[in-house]
N, C-alpha and C. Protein backbone atom coordinates (compact mmCIF):
# COMPACT_ATOMS: atom_id res chain seq x y z
N MET A 1 -95.49 -134.92 -80.20
CA MET A 1 -96.69 -134.26 -80.63
C MET A 1 -97.36 -135.04 -81.73
N ALA A 2 -98.54 -135.42 -81.46
CA ALA A 2 -99.30 -136.17 -82.43
C ALA A 2 -99.73 -135.27 -83.56
N GLY A 3 -99.64 -135.76 -84.77
CA GLY A 3 -100.12 -135.05 -85.93
C GLY A 3 -99.13 -134.10 -86.55
N THR A 4 -97.94 -133.94 -85.98
CA THR A 4 -96.98 -133.06 -86.61
C THR A 4 -96.05 -133.87 -87.49
N ARG A 5 -95.68 -133.30 -88.59
CA ARG A 5 -94.78 -133.97 -89.54
C ARG A 5 -93.37 -133.44 -89.34
N PRO A 6 -92.39 -134.31 -89.50
CA PRO A 6 -91.02 -133.80 -89.40
C PRO A 6 -90.72 -132.90 -90.58
N PRO A 7 -89.78 -131.99 -90.40
CA PRO A 7 -89.43 -131.12 -91.53
C PRO A 7 -88.99 -131.95 -92.73
N GLU A 8 -89.33 -131.49 -93.93
CA GLU A 8 -89.02 -132.20 -95.18
C GLU A 8 -87.54 -132.50 -95.29
N ARG A 9 -86.69 -131.58 -94.90
CA ARG A 9 -85.24 -131.76 -94.99
C ARG A 9 -84.79 -132.93 -94.14
N LEU A 10 -85.34 -133.07 -92.95
CA LEU A 10 -84.99 -134.17 -92.07
C LEU A 10 -85.42 -135.50 -92.68
N THR A 11 -86.60 -135.57 -93.26
CA THR A 11 -87.10 -136.80 -93.87
C THR A 11 -86.20 -137.22 -95.02
N MET A 12 -85.87 -136.31 -95.91
CA MET A 12 -85.02 -136.64 -97.06
C MET A 12 -83.62 -137.03 -96.62
N SER A 13 -83.06 -136.35 -95.64
CA SER A 13 -81.71 -136.70 -95.21
C SER A 13 -81.69 -138.07 -94.54
N PHE A 14 -82.80 -138.45 -93.94
CA PHE A 14 -82.88 -139.78 -93.32
C PHE A 14 -82.97 -140.88 -94.39
N PHE A 15 -83.76 -140.66 -95.43
CA PHE A 15 -84.00 -141.70 -96.43
C PHE A 15 -82.94 -141.75 -97.53
N ARG A 16 -82.19 -140.69 -97.73
CA ARG A 16 -81.20 -140.66 -98.81
C ARG A 16 -80.20 -141.82 -98.70
N PRO A 17 -79.62 -142.11 -97.51
CA PRO A 17 -78.69 -143.25 -97.41
C PRO A 17 -79.39 -144.59 -97.71
N LEU A 18 -80.66 -144.71 -97.32
CA LEU A 18 -81.39 -145.95 -97.61
C LEU A 18 -81.58 -146.14 -99.10
N PHE A 19 -81.91 -145.05 -99.81
CA PHE A 19 -82.07 -145.13 -101.26
C PHE A 19 -80.75 -145.49 -101.92
N ALA A 20 -79.68 -144.89 -101.48
CA ALA A 20 -78.36 -145.17 -102.06
C ALA A 20 -77.97 -146.63 -101.84
N MET A 21 -78.19 -147.11 -100.62
CA MET A 21 -77.86 -148.50 -100.32
C MET A 21 -78.72 -149.45 -101.15
N SER A 22 -80.01 -149.17 -101.28
CA SER A 22 -80.91 -150.01 -102.07
C SER A 22 -80.47 -150.05 -103.53
N ALA A 23 -80.13 -148.91 -104.07
CA ALA A 23 -79.68 -148.86 -105.47
C ALA A 23 -78.40 -149.66 -105.66
N THR A 24 -77.49 -149.56 -104.73
CA THR A 24 -76.25 -150.32 -104.80
C THR A 24 -76.51 -151.82 -104.76
N LEU A 25 -77.36 -152.24 -103.83
CA LEU A 25 -77.68 -153.67 -103.72
C LEU A 25 -78.39 -154.19 -104.95
N LEU A 26 -79.34 -153.43 -105.47
CA LEU A 26 -80.05 -153.85 -106.68
C LEU A 26 -79.11 -153.92 -107.87
N GLY A 27 -78.22 -152.98 -107.97
CA GLY A 27 -77.23 -153.01 -109.06
C GLY A 27 -76.33 -154.22 -108.95
N ALA A 28 -75.94 -154.57 -107.74
CA ALA A 28 -75.09 -155.74 -107.54
C ALA A 28 -75.82 -157.02 -107.91
N CYS A 29 -77.11 -157.06 -107.62
CA CYS A 29 -77.88 -158.25 -107.97
C CYS A 29 -77.92 -158.45 -109.48
N GLY A 30 -77.99 -157.37 -110.20
CA GLY A 30 -78.02 -157.48 -111.66
C GLY A 30 -76.73 -158.02 -112.24
N HIS A 31 -75.64 -157.89 -111.52
CA HIS A 31 -74.34 -158.36 -112.01
C HIS A 31 -73.86 -159.61 -111.28
N ALA A 32 -74.72 -160.23 -110.49
CA ALA A 32 -74.30 -161.39 -109.71
C ALA A 32 -73.91 -162.55 -110.59
N GLY A 33 -74.55 -162.70 -111.72
CA GLY A 33 -74.19 -163.76 -112.65
C GLY A 33 -73.88 -163.15 -113.99
N ASP A 34 -72.99 -163.76 -114.74
CA ASP A 34 -72.63 -163.23 -116.04
C ASP A 34 -73.60 -163.65 -117.12
N SER A 35 -74.52 -164.54 -116.80
CA SER A 35 -75.44 -165.01 -117.82
C SER A 35 -76.76 -164.27 -117.70
N ARG A 36 -77.45 -164.20 -118.83
CA ARG A 36 -78.76 -163.56 -118.85
C ARG A 36 -79.78 -164.47 -118.19
N PRO A 37 -80.86 -163.89 -117.65
CA PRO A 37 -81.90 -164.74 -117.09
C PRO A 37 -82.41 -165.71 -118.13
N GLY A 38 -82.58 -166.95 -117.73
CA GLY A 38 -83.07 -167.97 -118.64
C GLY A 38 -81.97 -168.67 -119.42
N SER A 39 -80.74 -168.16 -119.38
CA SER A 39 -79.67 -168.82 -120.10
C SER A 39 -78.93 -169.75 -119.14
N THR A 40 -78.26 -170.73 -119.69
CA THR A 40 -77.54 -171.69 -118.88
C THR A 40 -76.10 -171.71 -119.35
N SER A 41 -75.17 -171.58 -118.42
CA SER A 41 -73.77 -171.58 -118.79
C SER A 41 -73.32 -172.99 -119.14
N THR A 42 -72.19 -173.09 -119.79
CA THR A 42 -71.64 -174.39 -120.16
C THR A 42 -71.37 -175.22 -118.91
N ALA A 43 -70.87 -174.59 -117.86
CA ALA A 43 -70.61 -175.32 -116.61
C ALA A 43 -71.90 -175.86 -116.02
N ASP A 44 -72.97 -175.04 -116.06
CA ASP A 44 -74.26 -175.50 -115.56
C ASP A 44 -74.77 -176.68 -116.36
N LEU A 45 -74.63 -176.61 -117.68
CA LEU A 45 -75.07 -177.73 -118.54
C LEU A 45 -74.26 -178.98 -118.23
N GLY A 46 -72.97 -178.83 -118.01
CA GLY A 46 -72.13 -179.97 -117.67
C GLY A 46 -72.55 -180.60 -116.35
N ASN A 47 -72.85 -179.75 -115.36
CA ASN A 47 -73.29 -180.26 -114.06
C ASN A 47 -74.63 -180.95 -114.17
N LEU A 48 -75.54 -180.37 -114.95
CA LEU A 48 -76.85 -180.98 -115.15
C LEU A 48 -76.71 -182.32 -115.84
N ASN A 49 -75.89 -182.38 -116.88
CA ASN A 49 -75.70 -183.64 -117.59
C ASN A 49 -75.05 -184.68 -116.68
N GLN A 50 -74.08 -184.29 -115.86
CA GLN A 50 -73.43 -185.23 -114.95
C GLN A 50 -74.42 -185.77 -113.93
N MET A 51 -75.33 -184.92 -113.46
CA MET A 51 -76.35 -185.38 -112.52
C MET A 51 -77.28 -186.38 -113.20
N GLN A 52 -77.63 -186.11 -114.46
CA GLN A 52 -78.49 -187.05 -115.20
C GLN A 52 -77.77 -188.38 -115.40
N VAL A 53 -76.49 -188.34 -115.73
CA VAL A 53 -75.71 -189.56 -115.94
C VAL A 53 -75.66 -190.37 -114.64
N THR A 54 -75.41 -189.71 -113.53
CA THR A 54 -75.34 -190.40 -112.23
C THR A 54 -76.68 -191.02 -111.88
N ARG A 55 -77.74 -190.25 -112.04
CA ARG A 55 -79.08 -190.79 -111.78
C ARG A 55 -79.40 -191.92 -112.76
N GLY A 56 -78.97 -191.75 -114.01
CA GLY A 56 -79.22 -192.77 -115.02
C GLY A 56 -78.54 -194.08 -114.69
N LEU A 57 -77.29 -194.03 -114.24
CA LEU A 57 -76.58 -195.25 -113.86
C LEU A 57 -77.33 -195.97 -112.76
N SER A 58 -77.74 -195.24 -111.75
CA SER A 58 -78.48 -195.85 -110.65
C SER A 58 -79.78 -196.48 -111.16
N PHE A 59 -80.47 -195.78 -112.03
CA PHE A 59 -81.73 -196.28 -112.57
C PHE A 59 -81.51 -197.54 -113.41
N VAL A 60 -80.56 -197.51 -114.35
CA VAL A 60 -80.37 -198.67 -115.23
C VAL A 60 -79.81 -199.87 -114.47
N GLU A 61 -79.00 -199.61 -113.44
CA GLU A 61 -78.53 -200.75 -112.63
C GLU A 61 -79.71 -201.44 -111.96
N ALA A 62 -80.67 -200.67 -111.49
CA ALA A 62 -81.83 -201.25 -110.81
C ALA A 62 -82.81 -201.89 -111.79
N GLN A 63 -82.98 -201.30 -112.98
CA GLN A 63 -84.03 -201.73 -113.89
C GLN A 63 -83.56 -202.61 -115.05
N CYS A 64 -82.32 -202.51 -115.44
CA CYS A 64 -81.89 -203.13 -116.71
C CYS A 64 -80.79 -204.17 -116.57
N SER A 65 -80.11 -204.18 -115.42
CA SER A 65 -78.91 -205.02 -115.29
C SER A 65 -79.21 -206.51 -115.20
N GLY A 66 -80.47 -206.88 -115.09
CA GLY A 66 -80.82 -208.30 -115.11
C GLY A 66 -80.57 -208.93 -116.47
N CYS A 67 -80.61 -208.13 -117.52
CA CYS A 67 -80.39 -208.63 -118.89
C CYS A 67 -79.19 -207.97 -119.56
N HIS A 68 -79.04 -206.65 -119.38
CA HIS A 68 -78.01 -205.88 -120.09
C HIS A 68 -76.79 -205.66 -119.20
N SER A 69 -75.65 -205.58 -119.84
CA SER A 69 -74.47 -205.09 -119.15
C SER A 69 -74.56 -203.57 -119.17
N VAL A 70 -74.68 -202.97 -118.01
CA VAL A 70 -74.87 -201.53 -117.95
C VAL A 70 -73.55 -200.78 -117.77
N ARG A 71 -72.49 -201.50 -117.45
CA ARG A 71 -71.16 -200.88 -117.28
C ARG A 71 -70.20 -201.47 -118.31
N PRO A 72 -69.22 -200.68 -118.71
CA PRO A 72 -68.24 -201.18 -119.68
C PRO A 72 -67.44 -202.37 -119.15
N GLY A 73 -67.06 -203.25 -120.06
CA GLY A 73 -66.17 -204.35 -119.74
C GLY A 73 -66.83 -205.56 -119.11
N ILE A 74 -68.14 -205.60 -119.06
CA ILE A 74 -68.85 -206.72 -118.45
C ILE A 74 -69.77 -207.33 -119.50
N GLU A 75 -69.80 -208.63 -119.59
CA GLU A 75 -70.69 -209.31 -120.53
C GLU A 75 -72.13 -209.23 -120.02
N PRO A 76 -73.09 -209.06 -120.92
CA PRO A 76 -74.49 -209.02 -120.49
C PRO A 76 -74.92 -210.35 -119.88
N PRO A 77 -75.72 -210.32 -118.83
CA PRO A 77 -76.25 -211.56 -118.25
C PRO A 77 -77.06 -212.37 -119.26
N ASN A 78 -77.76 -211.67 -120.14
CA ASN A 78 -78.51 -212.32 -121.21
C ASN A 78 -77.72 -212.09 -122.50
N PRO A 79 -77.18 -213.15 -123.10
CA PRO A 79 -76.36 -212.98 -124.29
C PRO A 79 -77.10 -212.32 -125.47
N GLN A 80 -78.43 -212.37 -125.46
CA GLN A 80 -79.19 -211.74 -126.54
C GLN A 80 -79.41 -210.24 -126.30
N ALA A 81 -79.13 -209.78 -125.11
CA ALA A 81 -79.32 -208.36 -124.78
C ALA A 81 -78.01 -207.61 -125.02
N PRO A 82 -78.04 -206.56 -125.83
CA PRO A 82 -76.79 -205.83 -126.08
C PRO A 82 -76.32 -205.09 -124.83
N SER A 83 -75.01 -204.97 -124.72
CA SER A 83 -74.47 -204.16 -123.63
C SER A 83 -74.81 -202.70 -123.91
N PHE A 84 -74.83 -201.90 -122.88
CA PHE A 84 -75.13 -200.49 -123.10
C PHE A 84 -73.99 -199.77 -123.81
N VAL A 85 -72.79 -200.29 -123.74
CA VAL A 85 -71.68 -199.75 -124.54
C VAL A 85 -71.99 -199.97 -126.02
N ALA A 86 -72.50 -201.16 -126.35
CA ALA A 86 -72.88 -201.45 -127.75
C ALA A 86 -74.05 -200.57 -128.18
N VAL A 87 -75.01 -200.36 -127.31
CA VAL A 87 -76.14 -199.50 -127.64
C VAL A 87 -75.63 -198.09 -127.96
N ALA A 88 -74.71 -197.59 -127.17
CA ALA A 88 -74.19 -196.23 -127.35
C ALA A 88 -73.33 -196.10 -128.60
N ASN A 89 -72.62 -197.16 -128.97
CA ASN A 89 -71.63 -197.04 -130.03
C ASN A 89 -71.99 -197.73 -131.35
N ASP A 90 -72.80 -198.75 -131.31
CA ASP A 90 -73.00 -199.58 -132.50
C ASP A 90 -74.42 -199.58 -133.06
N MET A 91 -75.33 -198.89 -132.45
CA MET A 91 -76.72 -199.04 -132.83
C MET A 91 -77.33 -197.78 -133.44
N GLU A 92 -76.52 -196.83 -133.85
CA GLU A 92 -77.00 -195.63 -134.54
C GLU A 92 -77.94 -194.75 -133.71
N PHE A 93 -77.89 -194.88 -132.39
CA PHE A 93 -78.68 -194.01 -131.54
C PHE A 93 -77.89 -192.75 -131.23
N ASN A 94 -78.62 -191.66 -130.98
CA ASN A 94 -78.07 -190.50 -130.30
C ASN A 94 -78.96 -190.31 -129.08
N GLN A 95 -78.66 -189.35 -128.24
CA GLN A 95 -79.42 -189.22 -127.00
C GLN A 95 -80.91 -188.98 -127.29
N SER A 96 -81.21 -188.20 -128.29
CA SER A 96 -82.60 -187.88 -128.61
C SER A 96 -83.36 -189.10 -129.14
N THR A 97 -82.75 -189.85 -130.05
CA THR A 97 -83.45 -191.02 -130.60
C THR A 97 -83.56 -192.14 -129.56
N LEU A 98 -82.57 -192.26 -128.70
CA LEU A 98 -82.65 -193.27 -127.65
C LEU A 98 -83.73 -192.91 -126.64
N ARG A 99 -83.80 -191.64 -126.29
CA ARG A 99 -84.85 -191.18 -125.38
C ARG A 99 -86.23 -191.45 -125.99
N ALA A 100 -86.40 -191.16 -127.27
CA ALA A 100 -87.68 -191.42 -127.94
C ALA A 100 -87.99 -192.92 -127.97
N PHE A 101 -86.97 -193.74 -128.19
CA PHE A 101 -87.14 -195.20 -128.18
C PHE A 101 -87.67 -195.66 -126.83
N PHE A 102 -87.11 -195.14 -125.76
CA PHE A 102 -87.57 -195.51 -124.42
C PHE A 102 -88.98 -194.99 -124.14
N ARG A 103 -89.31 -193.81 -124.64
CA ARG A 103 -90.62 -193.21 -124.39
C ARG A 103 -91.73 -193.93 -125.17
N ASP A 104 -91.41 -194.37 -126.38
CA ASP A 104 -92.42 -195.02 -127.23
C ASP A 104 -92.70 -196.44 -126.79
N GLY A 105 -91.79 -197.00 -126.05
CA GLY A 105 -91.95 -198.38 -125.63
C GLY A 105 -91.49 -199.32 -126.74
N HIS A 106 -91.06 -200.45 -126.35
CA HIS A 106 -90.65 -201.44 -127.33
C HIS A 106 -90.77 -202.82 -126.74
N GLU A 107 -90.94 -203.78 -127.60
CA GLU A 107 -91.06 -205.18 -127.20
C GLU A 107 -90.18 -206.02 -128.10
N THR A 108 -88.90 -205.71 -128.10
CA THR A 108 -87.95 -206.43 -128.92
C THR A 108 -86.78 -206.81 -128.05
N PRO A 109 -86.47 -208.00 -127.85
CA PRO A 109 -87.22 -209.20 -128.27
C PRO A 109 -88.51 -209.33 -127.47
N ASP A 110 -89.27 -210.36 -127.78
CA ASP A 110 -90.57 -210.55 -127.13
C ASP A 110 -90.46 -210.64 -125.61
N ALA A 111 -89.31 -211.07 -125.12
CA ALA A 111 -89.13 -211.22 -123.67
C ALA A 111 -89.00 -209.88 -122.96
N MET A 112 -88.78 -208.80 -123.73
CA MET A 112 -88.56 -207.50 -123.11
C MET A 112 -89.65 -206.54 -123.54
N SER A 113 -90.24 -205.90 -122.58
CA SER A 113 -91.23 -204.86 -122.85
C SER A 113 -90.93 -203.70 -121.91
N ILE A 114 -90.77 -202.53 -122.47
CA ILE A 114 -90.41 -201.37 -121.65
C ILE A 114 -91.04 -200.11 -122.22
N LYS A 115 -91.48 -199.26 -121.34
CA LYS A 115 -91.94 -197.92 -121.70
C LYS A 115 -91.64 -197.04 -120.50
N LEU A 116 -90.72 -196.12 -120.68
CA LEU A 116 -90.28 -195.26 -119.59
C LEU A 116 -91.01 -193.93 -119.61
N ASP A 117 -91.15 -193.33 -118.42
CA ASP A 117 -91.71 -191.98 -118.39
C ASP A 117 -90.62 -191.01 -118.84
N GLU A 118 -90.99 -189.75 -118.96
CA GLU A 118 -90.07 -188.75 -119.52
C GLU A 118 -88.76 -188.65 -118.76
N ASP A 119 -88.82 -188.56 -117.43
CA ASP A 119 -87.61 -188.43 -116.62
C ASP A 119 -86.75 -189.69 -116.71
N GLU A 120 -87.36 -190.84 -116.62
CA GLU A 120 -86.62 -192.11 -116.72
C GLU A 120 -85.93 -192.22 -118.06
N ALA A 121 -86.65 -191.89 -119.14
CA ALA A 121 -86.07 -191.96 -120.48
C ALA A 121 -84.90 -190.99 -120.61
N GLU A 122 -85.04 -189.81 -120.06
CA GLU A 122 -83.97 -188.79 -120.14
C GLU A 122 -82.71 -189.25 -119.42
N ILE A 123 -82.86 -189.73 -118.18
CA ILE A 123 -81.66 -190.11 -117.43
C ILE A 123 -81.05 -191.40 -117.95
N ALA A 124 -81.87 -192.35 -118.41
CA ALA A 124 -81.32 -193.58 -118.98
C ALA A 124 -80.55 -193.28 -120.26
N ALA A 125 -81.13 -192.45 -121.12
CA ALA A 125 -80.45 -192.07 -122.37
C ALA A 125 -79.16 -191.30 -122.09
N ALA A 126 -79.20 -190.40 -121.10
CA ALA A 126 -78.00 -189.63 -120.75
C ALA A 126 -76.89 -190.57 -120.29
N TYR A 127 -77.22 -191.53 -119.45
CA TYR A 127 -76.20 -192.46 -118.98
C TYR A 127 -75.65 -193.29 -120.14
N ILE A 128 -76.53 -193.89 -120.91
CA ILE A 128 -76.09 -194.78 -121.99
C ILE A 128 -75.22 -194.01 -122.99
N MET A 129 -75.63 -192.81 -123.35
CA MET A 129 -74.84 -192.05 -124.32
C MET A 129 -73.53 -191.55 -123.72
N SER A 130 -73.43 -191.52 -122.39
CA SER A 130 -72.14 -191.15 -121.78
C SER A 130 -71.10 -192.24 -122.01
N LEU A 131 -71.56 -193.42 -122.42
CA LEU A 131 -70.65 -194.54 -122.71
C LEU A 131 -70.12 -194.50 -124.14
N ARG A 132 -70.56 -193.54 -124.93
CA ARG A 132 -70.14 -193.44 -126.32
C ARG A 132 -68.65 -193.09 -126.40
N SER A 133 -67.97 -193.81 -127.23
CA SER A 133 -66.54 -193.53 -127.47
C SER A 133 -66.42 -192.28 -128.31
N PRO A 134 -65.37 -191.49 -128.09
CA PRO A 134 -65.16 -190.30 -128.94
C PRO A 134 -65.03 -190.72 -130.40
N ARG A 135 -65.62 -189.95 -131.28
CA ARG A 135 -65.57 -190.30 -132.71
C ARG A 135 -64.73 -189.32 -133.45
């Protein structure tokens, strides 16, 4: 019959299980992660940093290994270019200052000129600082 409405009791009894299931699912979603929205767990930060280090190694091998030793235990191809182990341990850089150094550009020595974009500077600095010895 067109235009007739089902009895109110039938409608509510039909939708009650749907409401209960929806509430249960929404409640479960709120507890799916132990961290608050926008926060990052220590494991997540470690994974992010490891990804940056891996990308950084690939980047510096392609862009810097012609002059610098980018891996520990290898002499730099250019004796005037410090190894990245030396950069990480002997040159008073931290990840933030090294990233800024790469972003600002530098021409020291005159044979080298570099200015990295934000992502390149971040991953290169992450890799180089991963070579830092524990202090």
